[in-house]
N, C-alpha and C. Protein backbone atom coordinates (compact mmCIF):
# COMPACT_ATOMS: atom_id res chain seq x y z
N MET A 1 0.73 -1.12 -0.23
CA MET A 1 0.01 -0.10 -0.04
C MET A 1 1.04 1.27 0.01
N THR A 2 0.91 2.11 -0.85
CA THR A 2 1.64 3.33 -0.93
C THR A 2 1.33 4.40 0.21
N GLU A 3 2.15 5.28 0.34
CA GLU A 3 1.96 6.00 1.42
C GLU A 3 1.02 7.12 1.26
N ASP A 4 0.64 7.47 -0.13
CA ASP A 4 -0.42 8.49 -0.29
C ASP A 4 -1.83 7.69 -0.45
N PHE A 5 -1.91 6.50 -0.32
CA PHE A 5 -3.26 5.96 -0.29
C PHE A 5 -4.29 6.34 0.84
N LYS A 6 -5.36 6.58 0.36
CA LYS A 6 -6.57 7.37 1.11
C LYS A 6 -7.83 6.76 0.67
N SER A 7 -8.09 5.98 1.42
CA SER A 7 -9.58 5.25 1.11
C SER A 7 -10.01 4.24 2.26
N TYR A 8 -10.61 3.25 1.79
CA TYR A 8 -11.07 2.13 2.98
C TYR A 8 -10.07 0.83 2.74
N SER A 9 -9.71 0.53 3.67
CA SER A 9 -8.87 -0.64 3.82
C SER A 9 -9.42 -1.77 4.64
N GLN A 10 -9.77 -2.96 3.98
CA GLN A 10 -10.40 -4.01 4.59
C GLN A 10 -9.38 -5.07 4.73
N SER A 11 -9.37 -5.85 6.21
CA SER A 11 -8.53 -6.69 6.37
C SER A 11 -9.25 -7.68 7.27
N ASP A 12 -8.59 -8.93 7.42
CA ASP A 12 -9.17 -10.15 8.26
C ASP A 12 -8.89 -10.02 9.86
N GLY A 13 -8.25 -8.70 10.06
CA GLY A 13 -8.03 -8.46 11.61
C GLY A 13 -6.61 -8.76 11.88
N TYR A 14 -5.80 -9.25 10.86
CA TYR A 14 -3.96 -9.49 11.34
C TYR A 14 -3.79 -8.03 11.70
N SER A 15 -2.90 -8.08 13.15
CA SER A 15 -2.71 -6.76 13.46
C SER A 15 -1.62 -6.00 12.74
N GLY A 16 -0.84 -6.70 11.80
CA GLY A 16 -0.17 -5.96 10.86
C GLY A 16 -0.56 -4.59 9.89
N TYR A 17 -1.98 -4.81 9.83
CA TYR A 17 -2.92 -3.78 9.49
C TYR A 17 -3.15 -2.50 10.15
N ASP A 18 -3.01 -2.46 11.58
CA ASP A 18 -3.59 -1.56 12.41
C ASP A 18 -2.83 -0.31 12.11
N ALA A 19 -1.45 -0.41 11.79
CA ALA A 19 -0.67 0.99 11.61
C ALA A 19 -1.69 1.58 10.18
N VAL A 20 -1.84 0.88 9.28
CA VAL A 20 -2.61 1.54 8.26
C VAL A 20 -3.85 2.25 8.72
N GLY A 21 -4.57 1.50 9.31
CA GLY A 21 -5.86 2.17 9.63
C GLY A 21 -5.59 3.56 10.59
N LYS A 22 -4.65 3.88 11.16
CA LYS A 22 -4.51 5.12 11.89
C LYS A 22 -3.95 6.04 11.00
N ARG A 23 -3.61 5.96 9.76
CA ARG A 23 -3.22 6.94 8.67
C ARG A 23 -4.36 7.93 8.40
N ASP A 24 -4.11 9.20 8.18
CA ASP A 24 -5.07 10.09 7.87
C ASP A 24 -5.78 9.58 6.63
N GLY A 25 -6.82 9.61 6.40
CA GLY A 25 -7.46 9.36 4.89
C GLY A 25 -7.90 8.05 5.11
N VAL A 26 -7.52 7.18 5.82
CA VAL A 26 -7.75 5.80 5.75
C VAL A 26 -8.73 5.08 6.72
N VAL A 27 -9.90 4.53 6.31
CA VAL A 27 -10.84 3.90 7.14
C VAL A 27 -10.33 2.39 7.26
N HIS A 28 -10.07 1.79 8.25
CA HIS A 28 -9.71 0.28 8.50
C HIS A 28 -10.99 -0.34 8.85
N ASP A 29 -11.51 -1.21 7.81
CA ASP A 29 -12.72 -1.86 8.31
C ASP A 29 -12.32 -3.65 8.23
N GLY A 30 -13.08 -4.37 9.24
CA GLY A 30 -12.69 -5.61 9.26
C GLY A 30 -13.68 -6.39 8.34
N CYS A 31 -13.32 -7.49 8.15
CA CYS A 31 -14.14 -8.50 7.28
C CYS A 31 -15.16 -9.34 7.97
N VAL A 32 -16.45 -9.19 7.64
CA VAL A 32 -17.66 -9.89 8.24
C VAL A 32 -17.52 -11.50 8.10
N ALA A 33 -16.92 -11.88 7.26
CA ALA A 33 -16.73 -13.36 7.16
C ALA A 33 -15.79 -13.89 8.04
N HIS A 34 -14.88 -13.09 8.27
CA HIS A 34 -13.59 -13.71 9.11
C HIS A 34 -14.17 -13.44 10.53
N ALA A 35 -14.92 -12.65 10.69
CA ALA A 35 -15.34 -12.41 12.13
C ALA A 35 -16.50 -13.37 12.39
N ARG A 36 -17.31 -13.67 11.34
CA ARG A 36 -18.37 -14.86 11.56
C ARG A 36 -17.85 -16.14 11.79
N ARG A 37 -16.59 -16.34 11.24
CA ARG A 37 -15.92 -17.58 11.47
C ARG A 37 -15.33 -17.70 12.82
N LYS A 38 -14.98 -16.69 13.20
CA LYS A 38 -14.36 -16.62 14.50
C LYS A 38 -15.47 -16.68 15.61
N LEU A 39 -16.43 -16.12 15.40
CA LEU A 39 -17.66 -16.34 16.33
C LEU A 39 -18.29 -17.80 16.21
N ASP A 40 -18.20 -18.44 15.25
CA ASP A 40 -18.48 -19.56 14.94
C ASP A 40 -17.59 -20.41 16.17
N ASP A 41 -16.48 -20.27 15.94
CA ASP A 41 -15.66 -20.98 16.91
C ASP A 41 -15.91 -20.96 18.57
N GLU A 42 -16.13 -19.67 18.51
CA GLU A 42 -16.57 -18.92 20.12
C GLU A 42 -17.89 -19.56 20.39
N ALA A 43 -18.71 -19.64 19.72
CA ALA A 43 -19.98 -20.19 20.18
C ALA A 43 -20.00 -21.60 20.41
N MET A 44 -19.23 -22.43 19.61
CA MET A 44 -19.10 -23.84 19.98
C MET A 44 -18.36 -24.14 21.31
N LYS A 45 -17.33 -23.29 21.55
CA LYS A 45 -16.67 -23.60 22.93
C LYS A 45 -17.45 -23.02 24.14
N ALA A 46 -18.38 -21.98 23.74
CA ALA A 46 -19.06 -21.49 24.88
C ALA A 46 -20.39 -22.19 25.21
N GLN A 47 -20.97 -22.98 24.14
CA GLN A 47 -22.03 -23.71 24.54
C GLN A 47 -22.19 -24.38 25.57
N PRO A 48 -21.37 -25.03 25.93
CA PRO A 48 -21.61 -25.98 27.20
C PRO A 48 -21.54 -25.21 28.47
N ARG A 49 -20.97 -23.96 28.37
CA ARG A 49 -20.99 -23.11 29.55
C ARG A 49 -22.26 -22.46 29.65
N GLY A 50 -22.92 -22.29 28.58
CA GLY A 50 -24.27 -21.66 28.59
C GLY A 50 -24.08 -20.07 28.02
N ASP A 51 -22.75 -19.74 27.60
CA ASP A 51 -22.67 -18.34 27.28
C ASP A 51 -23.09 -18.09 25.84
N ARG A 52 -24.03 -17.24 25.82
CA ARG A 52 -24.72 -17.02 24.40
C ARG A 52 -24.21 -15.64 23.71
N GLY A 53 -23.29 -15.20 24.39
CA GLY A 53 -22.56 -13.93 23.56
C GLY A 53 -22.25 -13.97 22.17
N ALA A 54 -21.55 -14.95 21.84
CA ALA A 54 -20.90 -15.14 20.58
C ALA A 54 -22.20 -15.64 19.67
N ALA A 55 -23.10 -16.55 20.12
CA ALA A 55 -24.44 -16.86 19.62
C ALA A 55 -25.37 -15.57 19.01
N LYS A 56 -25.28 -14.67 20.06
CA LYS A 56 -26.45 -13.49 19.70
C LYS A 56 -25.49 -12.21 18.63
N ARG A 57 -24.03 -12.67 18.87
CA ARG A 57 -23.27 -11.71 17.67
C ARG A 57 -23.50 -12.38 16.27
N LEU A 58 -23.46 -13.86 16.57
CA LEU A 58 -23.64 -14.48 14.86
C LEU A 58 -25.13 -14.10 14.52
N SER A 59 -25.95 -14.16 15.23
CA SER A 59 -27.38 -13.86 14.46
C SER A 59 -27.47 -12.47 14.11
N ARG A 60 -26.70 -11.28 14.59
CA ARG A 60 -26.70 -10.06 14.07
C ARG A 60 -25.96 -10.04 12.78
N ILE A 61 -24.78 -10.83 12.71
CA ILE A 61 -24.28 -10.81 11.19
C ILE A 61 -25.22 -11.74 10.47
N GLN A 62 -26.01 -12.52 10.73
CA GLN A 62 -27.11 -13.23 9.91
C GLN A 62 -27.94 -12.14 9.39
N ARG A 63 -28.31 -11.01 10.35
CA ARG A 63 -29.30 -9.83 9.63
C ARG A 63 -28.51 -8.96 8.82
N ILE A 64 -27.25 -8.95 8.95
CA ILE A 64 -26.29 -8.11 7.76
C ILE A 64 -26.61 -8.93 6.62
N TYR A 65 -26.36 -10.34 6.58
CA TYR A 65 -26.32 -11.06 5.57
C TYR A 65 -27.70 -11.04 4.68
N ARG A 66 -28.70 -11.06 5.36
CA ARG A 66 -30.21 -10.93 4.95
C ARG A 66 -30.23 -9.70 4.05
N ILE A 67 -29.91 -8.49 4.41
CA ILE A 67 -29.82 -7.20 3.97
C ILE A 67 -28.96 -7.24 2.95
N GLU A 68 -27.63 -7.82 2.76
CA GLU A 68 -26.84 -7.83 1.68
C GLU A 68 -27.86 -8.88 0.62
N LYS A 69 -28.44 -9.86 1.08
CA LYS A 69 -29.11 -10.73 -0.18
C LYS A 69 -30.43 -10.09 -0.71
N VAL A 70 -30.84 -9.06 0.04
CA VAL A 70 -32.06 -8.18 -0.59
C VAL A 70 -31.37 -7.22 -1.44
N ALA A 71 -30.31 -6.67 -1.21
CA ALA A 71 -29.59 -5.94 -2.52
C ALA A 71 -29.18 -6.37 -3.41
N ARG A 72 -28.73 -7.77 -3.02
CA ARG A 72 -28.10 -8.46 -4.42
C ARG A 72 -29.15 -8.95 -5.38
N GLU A 73 -30.39 -9.40 -4.84
CA GLU A 73 -31.38 -10.00 -5.70
C GLU A 73 -31.99 -8.73 -6.16
N ALA A 74 -31.96 -7.43 -5.50
CA ALA A 74 -32.84 -6.42 -6.29
C ALA A 74 -31.77 -5.60 -7.27
N LYS A 75 -30.72 -6.21 -7.37
CA LYS A 75 -29.46 -5.68 -8.31
C LYS A 75 -29.46 -4.25 -7.97
N LEU A 76 -29.32 -3.85 -6.73
CA LEU A 76 -28.78 -2.29 -6.29
C LEU A 76 -27.64 -1.89 -6.86
N THR A 77 -27.69 -0.60 -7.05
CA THR A 77 -26.25 0.15 -7.60
C THR A 77 -25.61 0.17 -6.08
N ALA A 78 -24.40 0.58 -6.19
CA ALA A 78 -23.44 0.78 -5.12
C ALA A 78 -24.12 1.69 -4.11
N GLU A 79 -24.62 3.13 -4.88
CA GLU A 79 -25.06 3.94 -4.02
C GLU A 79 -26.37 3.59 -3.24
N GLN A 80 -27.16 2.74 -4.09
CA GLN A 80 -28.58 2.11 -3.36
C GLN A 80 -27.96 1.13 -2.42
N ARG A 81 -27.03 0.23 -2.33
CA ARG A 81 -26.78 -0.74 -1.32
C ARG A 81 -26.28 0.23 -0.11
N LYS A 82 -25.16 1.32 -0.63
CA LYS A 82 -25.02 2.13 0.73
C LYS A 82 -26.13 2.79 1.42
N GLN A 83 -27.08 3.36 0.70
CA GLN A 83 -28.22 3.65 1.30
C GLN A 83 -29.28 2.60 2.08
N LEU A 84 -29.03 1.40 1.63
CA LEU A 84 -30.06 0.38 2.40
C LEU A 84 -29.23 0.02 3.44
N ARG A 85 -27.97 -0.07 3.38
CA ARG A 85 -27.26 -0.60 4.81
C ARG A 85 -27.34 0.64 5.72
N GLY A 86 -27.16 1.88 5.09
CA GLY A 86 -27.43 2.88 6.25
C GLY A 86 -28.72 2.92 6.91
N GLU A 87 -29.83 2.62 6.31
CA GLU A 87 -31.19 2.43 6.83
C GLU A 87 -31.27 1.23 7.41
N GLN A 88 -30.65 0.01 7.36
CA GLN A 88 -31.05 -1.20 7.88
C GLN A 88 -30.14 -1.95 8.66
N ALA A 89 -28.85 -1.26 8.47
CA ALA A 89 -27.87 -2.22 8.84
C ALA A 89 -26.96 -1.40 10.02
N ALA A 90 -27.18 -0.09 9.98
CA ALA A 90 -26.36 0.50 10.87
C ALA A 90 -26.61 0.05 12.43
N ASP A 91 -27.70 -0.03 13.05
CA ASP A 91 -28.01 -0.44 14.22
C ASP A 91 -27.35 -1.60 14.40
N VAL A 92 -27.35 -2.74 13.61
CA VAL A 92 -26.61 -4.00 13.72
C VAL A 92 -25.42 -3.89 13.83
N GLU A 93 -24.62 -3.01 13.01
CA GLU A 93 -23.44 -3.08 13.04
C GLU A 93 -22.72 -2.16 14.31
N ARG A 94 -23.56 -1.07 14.81
CA ARG A 94 -23.15 -0.71 16.14
C ARG A 94 -23.17 -1.56 17.18
N ALA A 95 -24.17 -2.46 17.19
CA ALA A 95 -24.22 -3.31 18.41
C ALA A 95 -23.24 -4.15 18.31
N LEU A 96 -22.69 -4.70 16.92
CA LEU A 96 -21.68 -5.61 16.78
C LEU A 96 -20.24 -4.93 17.27
N ARG A 97 -20.05 -3.72 17.07
CA ARG A 97 -18.90 -2.92 17.37
C ARG A 97 -18.73 -2.93 18.68
N MET A 98 -19.89 -2.35 19.79
CA MET A 98 -20.02 -2.38 20.92
C MET A 98 -19.53 -3.58 21.50
N ALA A 99 -20.12 -4.66 20.98
CA ALA A 99 -19.75 -6.02 21.67
C ALA A 99 -18.28 -6.52 21.36
N ARG A 100 -17.69 -6.22 20.33
CA ARG A 100 -16.18 -6.19 20.09
C ARG A 100 -15.49 -5.55 20.99
N CYS A 101 -16.02 -4.49 21.44
CA CYS A 101 -15.06 -3.47 22.16
C CYS A 101 -15.14 -4.11 23.63
N LYS A 102 -16.14 -4.71 23.91
CA LYS A 102 -16.18 -5.38 25.28
C LYS A 102 -15.21 -6.61 25.34
N THR A 103 -15.34 -7.21 24.33
CA THR A 103 -14.64 -8.71 24.34
C THR A 103 -13.18 -8.60 23.86
N GLN A 104 -12.71 -7.62 22.77
CA GLN A 104 -11.55 -7.77 22.53
C GLN A 104 -10.99 -6.49 22.60
N PRO A 105 -10.03 -6.50 23.89
CA PRO A 105 -9.30 -5.20 24.38
C PRO A 105 -8.27 -4.51 23.14
N ARG A 106 -7.82 -5.27 22.22
CA ARG A 106 -7.26 -4.71 21.06
C ARG A 106 -8.07 -3.88 20.28
N ALA A 107 -9.36 -3.81 20.21
CA ALA A 107 -10.09 -3.21 19.57
C ALA A 107 -10.49 -1.84 19.93
N ALA A 108 -9.87 -1.59 21.23
CA ALA A 108 -10.33 -0.37 21.94
C ALA A 108 -10.20 0.98 21.30
N ALA A 109 -9.21 0.99 20.33
CA ALA A 109 -8.99 2.17 19.65
C ALA A 109 -10.28 2.42 18.71
N ASP A 110 -11.04 1.40 18.28
CA ASP A 110 -12.12 1.52 17.42
C ASP A 110 -13.35 1.81 18.12
N CYS A 111 -13.25 2.02 19.43
CA CYS A 111 -14.57 2.05 20.25
C CYS A 111 -14.75 3.41 20.76
């Protein structure tokens, strides 16, 4: 990535990308698919203990996937998708971010 890069940078959560997200003009986003896989693992481990935190976060991710499916099936433009996400997914994403801030100390900079 060049020094003058200014845009969105999406990664799988690898800490090597943290510095990129701190640059002016760069928004560092995580990957929902990677987060979902990690939550799948957490939910399986937590199930015997009765901890439902990961399962709740997984159900929120499923809501985002349903919104994306609607957008895909309706063949929405990029701008229309952005509007749909803003209208229907913003609360879900905010709840996921808050949950991540509670469970992942490394995420504190994003909170």
